[in-house]
Amino acid sequence: MARKTTTGTARKTAPATPPPCEPCKGTGQVAITVRVGRKRRPVGQQDGICLTCFGTGTADS
């Protein structure tokens, strides 16, 4: 019985990296406006976790 042999070697492909998240631009954090007072006036911003990617920075669709 004849054996079949392969002449080439298997090529390994690099894993595809997912694109960065749009709202946080890959950082995993977004600026959230801080509001105070009865009229809820904005006084500044603080960092918060990106709810689109949950802080990973990659866009998982």
PDB file of N, CA and C in Angstrom:
ATOM      1  N   MET A   1       0.837  -1.159   0.000  1.00  0.00           N
ATOM      2  CA  MET A   1       0.000   0.000   0.000  1.00  0.00           C
ATOM      3  C   MET A   1       0.902   1.248   0.000  1.00  0.00           C
ATOM      4  N   ALA A   2       0.588   2.217  -0.841  1.00  0.00           N
ATOM      5  CA  ALA A   2       1.404   3.416  -0.961  1.00  0.00           C
ATOM      6  C   ALA A   2       0.972   4.451   0.077  1.00  0.00           C
ATOM      7  N   ARG A   3       1.953   5.112   0.675  1.00  0.00           N
ATOM      8  CA  ARG A   3       1.671   6.159   1.655  1.00  0.00           C
ATOM      9  C   ARG A   3       1.667   7.516   0.976  1.00  0.00           C
ATOM     10  N   LYS A   4       0.750   8.364   1.421  1.00  0.00           N
ATOM     11  CA  LYS A   4       0.735   9.734   0.922  1.00  0.00           C
ATOM     12  C   LYS A   4       1.545  10.603   1.873  1.00  0.00           C
ATOM     13  N   THR A   5       2.439  11.366   1.322  1.00  0.00           N
ATOM     14  CA  THR A   5       3.256  12.256   2.145  1.00  0.00           C
ATOM     15  C   THR A   5       3.035  13.688   1.704  1.00  0.00           C
ATOM     16  N   THR A   6       3.179  14.587   2.628  1.00  0.00           N
ATOM     17  CA  THR A   6       3.051  16.004   2.287  1.00  0.00           C
ATOM     18  C   THR A   6       4.431  16.564   2.024  1.00  0.00           C
ATOM     19  N   THR A   7       4.524  17.434   1.065  1.00  0.00           N
ATOM     20  CA  THR A   7       5.818  17.995   0.717  1.00  0.00           C
ATOM     21  C   THR A   7       6.081  19.312   1.432  1.00  0.00           C
ATOM     22  N   GLY A   8       5.041  20.030   1.846  1.00  0.00           N
ATOM     23  CA  GLY A   8       5.229  21.324   2.502  1.00  0.00           C
ATOM     24  C   GLY A   8       4.963  21.233   3.989  1.00  0.00           C
ATOM     25  N   THR A   9       5.335  22.281   4.668  1.00  0.00           N
ATOM     26  CA  THR A   9       5.066  22.351   6.094  1.00  0.00           C
ATOM     27  C   THR A   9       3.840  23.214   6.322  1.00  0.00           C
ATOM     28  N   ALA A  10       3.160  22.998   7.419  1.00  0.00           N
ATOM     29  CA  ALA A  10       1.967  23.789   7.739  1.00  0.00           C
ATOM     30  C   ALA A  10       2.386  25.204   8.114  1.00  0.00           C
ATOM     31  N   ARG A  11       1.671  26.164   7.578  1.00  0.00           N
ATOM     32  CA  ARG A  11       1.968  27.561   7.878  1.00  0.00           C
ATOM     33  C   ARG A  11       1.090  28.031   9.015  1.00  0.00           C
ATOM     34  N   LYS A  12       1.689  28.735   9.930  1.00  0.00           N
ATOM     35  CA  LYS A  12       0.941  29.292  11.047  1.00  0.00           C
ATOM     36  C   LYS A  12       0.602  30.738  10.731  1.00  0.00           C
ATOM     37  N   THR A  13      -0.655  31.090  10.929  1.00  0.00           N
ATOM     38  CA  THR A  13      -1.074  32.462  10.695  1.00  0.00           C
ATOM     39  C   THR A  13      -1.151  33.181  12.035  1.00  0.00           C
ATOM     40  N   ALA A  14      -0.833  34.446  12.021  1.00  0.00           N
ATOM     41  CA  ALA A  14      -0.899  35.246  13.235  1.00  0.00           C
ATOM     42  C   ALA A  14      -2.357  35.484  13.599  1.00  0.00           C
ATOM     43  N   PRO A  15      -2.703  35.453  14.881  1.00  0.00           N
ATOM     44  CA  PRO A  15      -4.088  35.699  15.270  1.00  0.00           C
ATOM     45  C   PRO A  15      -4.476  37.144  14.967  1.00  0.00           C
ATOM     46  N   ALA A  16      -5.672  37.304  14.470  1.00  0.00           N
ATOM     47  CA  ALA A  16      -6.149  38.633  14.112  1.00  0.00           C
ATOM     48  C   ALA A  16      -6.459  39.421  15.379  1.00  0.00           C
ATOM     49  N   THR A  17      -5.964  40.648  15.447  1.00  0.00           N
ATOM     50  CA  THR A  17      -6.242  41.487  16.608  1.00  0.00           C
ATOM     51  C   THR A  17      -7.538  42.248  16.361  1.00  0.00           C
ATOM     52  N   PRO A  18      -8.426  42.285  17.336  1.00  0.00           N
ATOM     53  CA  PRO A  18      -9.680  43.003  17.146  1.00  0.00           C
ATOM     54  C   PRO A  18      -9.427  44.509  17.094  1.00  0.00           C
ATOM     55  N   PRO A  19     -10.261  45.245  16.389  1.00  0.00           N
ATOM     56  CA  PRO A  19     -10.067  46.692  16.290  1.00  0.00           C
ATOM     57  C   PRO A  19     -10.351  47.370  17.630  1.00  0.00           C
ATOM     58  N   PRO A  20      -9.781  48.561  17.859  1.00  0.00           N
ATOM     59  CA  PRO A  20     -10.044  49.253  19.121  1.00  0.00           C
ATOM     60  C   PRO A  20     -11.498  49.732  19.206  1.00  0.00           C
ATOM     61  N   CYS A  21     -11.963  49.886  20.409  1.00  0.00           N
ATOM     62  CA  CYS A  21     -13.338  50.328  20.676  1.00  0.00           C
ATOM     63  C   CYS A  21     -13.490  51.790  20.235  1.00  0.00           C
ATOM     64  N   GLU A  22     -14.625  52.128  19.643  1.00  0.00           N
ATOM     65  CA  GLU A  22     -14.856  53.492  19.135  1.00  0.00           C
ATOM     66  C   GLU A  22     -15.032  54.527  20.252  1.00  0.00           C
ATOM     67  N   PRO A  23     -15.926  54.325  21.244  1.00  0.00           N
ATOM     68  CA  PRO A  23     -16.142  55.384  22.245  1.00  0.00           C
ATOM     69  C   PRO A  23     -14.901  55.708  23.079  1.00  0.00           C
ATOM     70  N   CYS A  24     -14.129  54.693  23.458  1.00  0.00           N
ATOM     71  CA  CYS A  24     -12.968  54.943  24.326  1.00  0.00           C
ATOM     72  C   CYS A  24     -11.658  54.970  23.559  1.00  0.00           C
ATOM     73  N   LYS A  25     -11.691  54.672  22.274  1.00  0.00           N
ATOM     74  CA  LYS A  25     -10.507  54.661  21.407  1.00  0.00           C
ATOM     75  C   LYS A  25      -9.433  53.701  21.915  1.00  0.00           C
ATOM     76  N   GLY A  26      -9.864  52.594  22.518  1.00  0.00           N
ATOM     77  CA  GLY A  26      -8.946  51.555  22.946  1.00  0.00           C
ATOM     78  C   GLY A  26      -8.371  51.718  24.341  1.00  0.00           C
ATOM     79  N   THR A  27      -8.729  52.774  25.061  1.00  0.00           N
ATOM     80  CA  THR A  27      -8.181  52.982  26.398  1.00  0.00           C
ATOM     81  C   THR A  27      -8.964  52.249  27.473  1.00  0.00           C
ATOM     82  N   GLY A  28     -10.260  52.023  27.261  1.00  0.00           N
ATOM     83  CA  GLY A  28     -11.092  51.359  28.255  1.00  0.00           C
ATOM     84  C   GLY A  28     -11.743  52.321  29.231  1.00  0.00           C
ATOM     85  N   GLN A  29     -11.434  53.612  29.109  1.00  0.00           N
ATOM     86  CA  GLN A  29     -12.011  54.615  30.001  1.00  0.00           C
ATOM     87  C   GLN A  29     -12.611  55.744  29.186  1.00  0.00           C
ATOM     88  N   VAL A  30     -13.726  56.288  29.677  1.00  0.00           N
ATOM     89  CA  VAL A  30     -14.388  57.426  29.040  1.00  0.00           C
ATOM     90  C   VAL A  30     -14.591  58.512  30.084  1.00  0.00           C
ATOM     91  N   ALA A  31     -14.708  59.754  29.635  1.00  0.00           N
ATOM     92  CA  ALA A  31     -14.945  60.879  30.538  1.00  0.00           C
ATOM     93  C   ALA A  31     -16.442  60.982  30.832  1.00  0.00           C
ATOM     94  N   ILE A  32     -16.783  61.077  32.121  1.00  0.00           N
ATOM     95  CA  ILE A  32     -18.170  61.200  32.551  1.00  0.00           C
ATOM     96  C   ILE A  32     -18.322  62.555  33.230  1.00  0.00           C
ATOM     97  N   THR A  33     -19.337  63.312  32.818  1.00  0.00           N
ATOM     98  CA  THR A  33     -19.579  64.627  33.388  1.00  0.00           C
ATOM     99  C   THR A  33     -20.144  64.500  34.796  1.00  0.00           C
ATOM    100  N   VAL A  34     -19.579  65.269  35.734  1.00  0.00           N
ATOM    101  CA  VAL A  34     -20.050  65.279  37.117  1.00  0.00           C
ATOM    102  C   VAL A  34     -20.990  66.456  37.278  1.00  0.00           C
ATOM    103  N   ARG A  35     -22.194  66.186  37.782  1.00  0.00           N
ATOM    104  CA  ARG A  35     -23.201  67.235  37.967  1.00  0.00           C
ATOM    105  C   ARG A  35     -23.514  67.375  39.451  1.00  0.00           C
ATOM    106  N   VAL A  36     -23.636  68.621  39.914  1.00  0.00           N
ATOM    107  CA  VAL A  36     -23.936  68.876  41.327  1.00  0.00           C
ATOM    108  C   VAL A  36     -25.024  69.931  41.444  1.00  0.00           C
ATOM    109  N   GLY A  37     -25.597  69.991  42.613  1.00  0.00           N
ATOM    110  CA  GLY A  37     -26.577  71.030  42.921  1.00  0.00           C
ATOM    111  C   GLY A  37     -27.989  70.661  42.527  1.00  0.00           C
ATOM    112  N   ARG A  38     -28.912  71.515  42.944  1.00  0.00           N
ATOM    113  CA  ARG A  38     -30.320  71.265  42.671  1.00  0.00           C
ATOM    114  C   ARG A  38     -30.638  71.376  41.188  1.00  0.00           C
ATOM    115  N   LYS A  39     -29.950  72.280  40.517  1.00  0.00           N
ATOM    116  CA  LYS A  39     -30.182  72.458  39.072  1.00  0.00           C
ATOM    117  C   LYS A  39     -29.309  71.532  38.231  1.00  0.00           C
ATOM    118  N   ARG A  40     -28.501  70.701  38.898  1.00  0.00           N
ATOM    119  CA  ARG A  40     -27.655  69.705  38.235  1.00  0.00           C
ATOM    120  C   ARG A  40     -26.710  70.343  37.224  1.00  0.00           C
ATOM    121  N   ARG A  41     -25.970  71.341  37.672  1.00  0.00           N
ATOM    122  CA  ARG A  41     -25.017  72.000  36.776  1.00  0.00           C
ATOM    123  C   ARG A  41     -23.731  71.188  36.688  1.00  0.00           C
ATOM    124  N   PRO A  42     -23.127  71.130  35.492  1.00  0.00           N
ATOM    125  CA  PRO A  42     -21.876  70.363  35.337  1.00  0.00           C
ATOM    126  C   PRO A  42     -20.703  71.128  35.964  1.00  0.00           C
ATOM    127  N   VAL A  43     -19.871  70.435  36.733  1.00  0.00           N
ATOM    128  CA  VAL A  43     -18.724  71.073  37.377  1.00  0.00           C
ATOM    129  C   VAL A  43     -17.401  70.494  36.905  1.00  0.00           C
ATOM    130  N   GLY A  44     -17.414  69.356  36.258  1.00  0.00           N
ATOM    131  CA  GLY A  44     -16.162  68.756  35.812  1.00  0.00           C
ATOM    132  C   GLY A  44     -16.397  67.377  35.225  1.00  0.00           C
ATOM    133  N   GLN A  45     -15.299  66.657  35.038  1.00  0.00           N
ATOM    134  CA  GLN A  45     -15.394  65.315  34.480  1.00  0.00           C
ATOM    135  C   GLN A  45     -14.522  64.364  35.291  1.00  0.00           C
ATOM    136  N   GLN A  46     -14.909  63.116  35.288  1.00  0.00           N
ATOM    137  CA  GLN A  46     -14.095  62.077  35.911  1.00  0.00           C
ATOM    138  C   GLN A  46     -14.034  60.878  34.979  1.00  0.00           C
ATOM    139  N   ASP A  47     -13.046  60.028  35.179  1.00  0.00           N
ATOM    140  CA  ASP A  47     -12.895  58.842  34.337  1.00  0.00           C
ATOM    141  C   ASP A  47     -13.848  57.758  34.795  1.00  0.00           C
ATOM    142  N   GLY A  48     -14.427  57.083  33.817  1.00  0.00           N
ATOM    143  CA  GLY A  48     -15.301  55.961  34.100  1.00  0.00           C
ATOM    144  C   GLY A  48     -15.015  54.838  33.123  1.00  0.00           C
ATOM    145  N   ILE A  49     -15.484  53.637  33.448  1.00  0.00           N
ATOM    146  CA  ILE A  49     -15.250  52.477  32.592  1.00  0.00           C
ATOM    147  C   ILE A  49     -16.159  52.571  31.357  1.00  0.00           C
ATOM    148  N   CYS A  50     -15.626  52.160  30.224  1.00  0.00           N
ATOM    149  CA  CYS A  50     -16.383  52.160  28.968  1.00  0.00           C
ATOM    150  C   CYS A  50     -17.392  51.011  29.009  1.00  0.00           C
ATOM    151  N   LEU A  51     -18.666  51.315  28.807  1.00  0.00           N
ATOM    152  CA  LEU A  51     -19.698  50.292  28.863  1.00  0.00           C
ATOM    153  C   LEU A  51     -19.843  49.528  27.551  1.00  0.00           C
ATOM    154  N   THR A  52     -19.224  50.000  26.493  1.00  0.00           N
ATOM    155  CA  THR A  52     -19.274  49.290  25.222  1.00  0.00           C
ATOM    156  C   THR A  52     -18.348  48.075  25.238  1.00  0.00           C
ATOM    157  N   CYS A  53     -17.128  48.270  25.736  1.00  0.00           N
ATOM    158  CA  CYS A  53     -16.150  47.175  25.749  1.00  0.00           C
ATOM    159  C   CYS A  53     -15.867  46.664  27.158  1.00  0.00           C
ATOM    160  N   PHE A  54     -16.491  47.243  28.176  1.00  0.00           N
ATOM    161  CA  PHE A  54     -16.291  46.870  29.583  1.00  0.00           C
ATOM    162  C   PHE A  54     -14.843  46.979  30.022  1.00  0.00           C
ATOM    163  N   GLY A  55     -14.151  48.000  29.508  1.00  0.00           N
ATOM    164  CA  GLY A  55     -12.788  48.273  29.940  1.00  0.00           C
ATOM    165  C   GLY A  55     -11.686  47.510  29.243  1.00  0.00           C
ATOM    166  N   THR A  56     -12.023  46.659  28.289  1.00  0.00           N
ATOM    167  CA  THR A  56     -10.991  45.886  27.606  1.00  0.00           C
ATOM    168  C   THR A  56     -10.297  46.700  26.518  1.00  0.00           C
ATOM    169  N   GLY A  57     -11.006  47.638  25.906  1.00  0.00           N
ATOM    170  CA  GLY A  57     -10.425  48.470  24.856  1.00  0.00           C
ATOM    171  C   GLY A  57     -10.543  47.868  23.466  1.00  0.00           C
ATOM    172  N   THR A  58     -11.114  46.677  23.346  1.00  0.00           N
ATOM    173  CA  THR A  58     -11.279  46.057  22.037  1.00  0.00           C
ATOM    174  C   THR A  58     -12.747  45.968  21.689  1.00  0.00           C
ATOM    175  N   ALA A  59     -13.044  46.160  20.416  1.00  0.00           N
ATOM    176  CA  ALA A  59     -14.415  46.101  19.945  1.00  0.00           C
ATOM    177  C   ALA A  59     -14.798  44.661  19.653  1.00  0.00           C
ATOM    178  N   ASP A  60     -15.627  44.086  20.488  1.00  0.00           N
ATOM    179  CA  ASP A  60     -16.122  42.734  20.276  1.00  0.00           C
ATOM    180  C   ASP A  60     -17.529  42.842  19.719  1.00  0.00           C
ATOM    181  N   SER A  61     -17.647  42.527  18.438  1.00  0.00           N
ATOM    182  CA  SER A  61     -18.968  42.673  17.826  1.00  0.00           C
ATOM    183  C   SER A  61     -19.740  41.391  17.809  1.00  0.00           C
TER     184      SER A  61
END
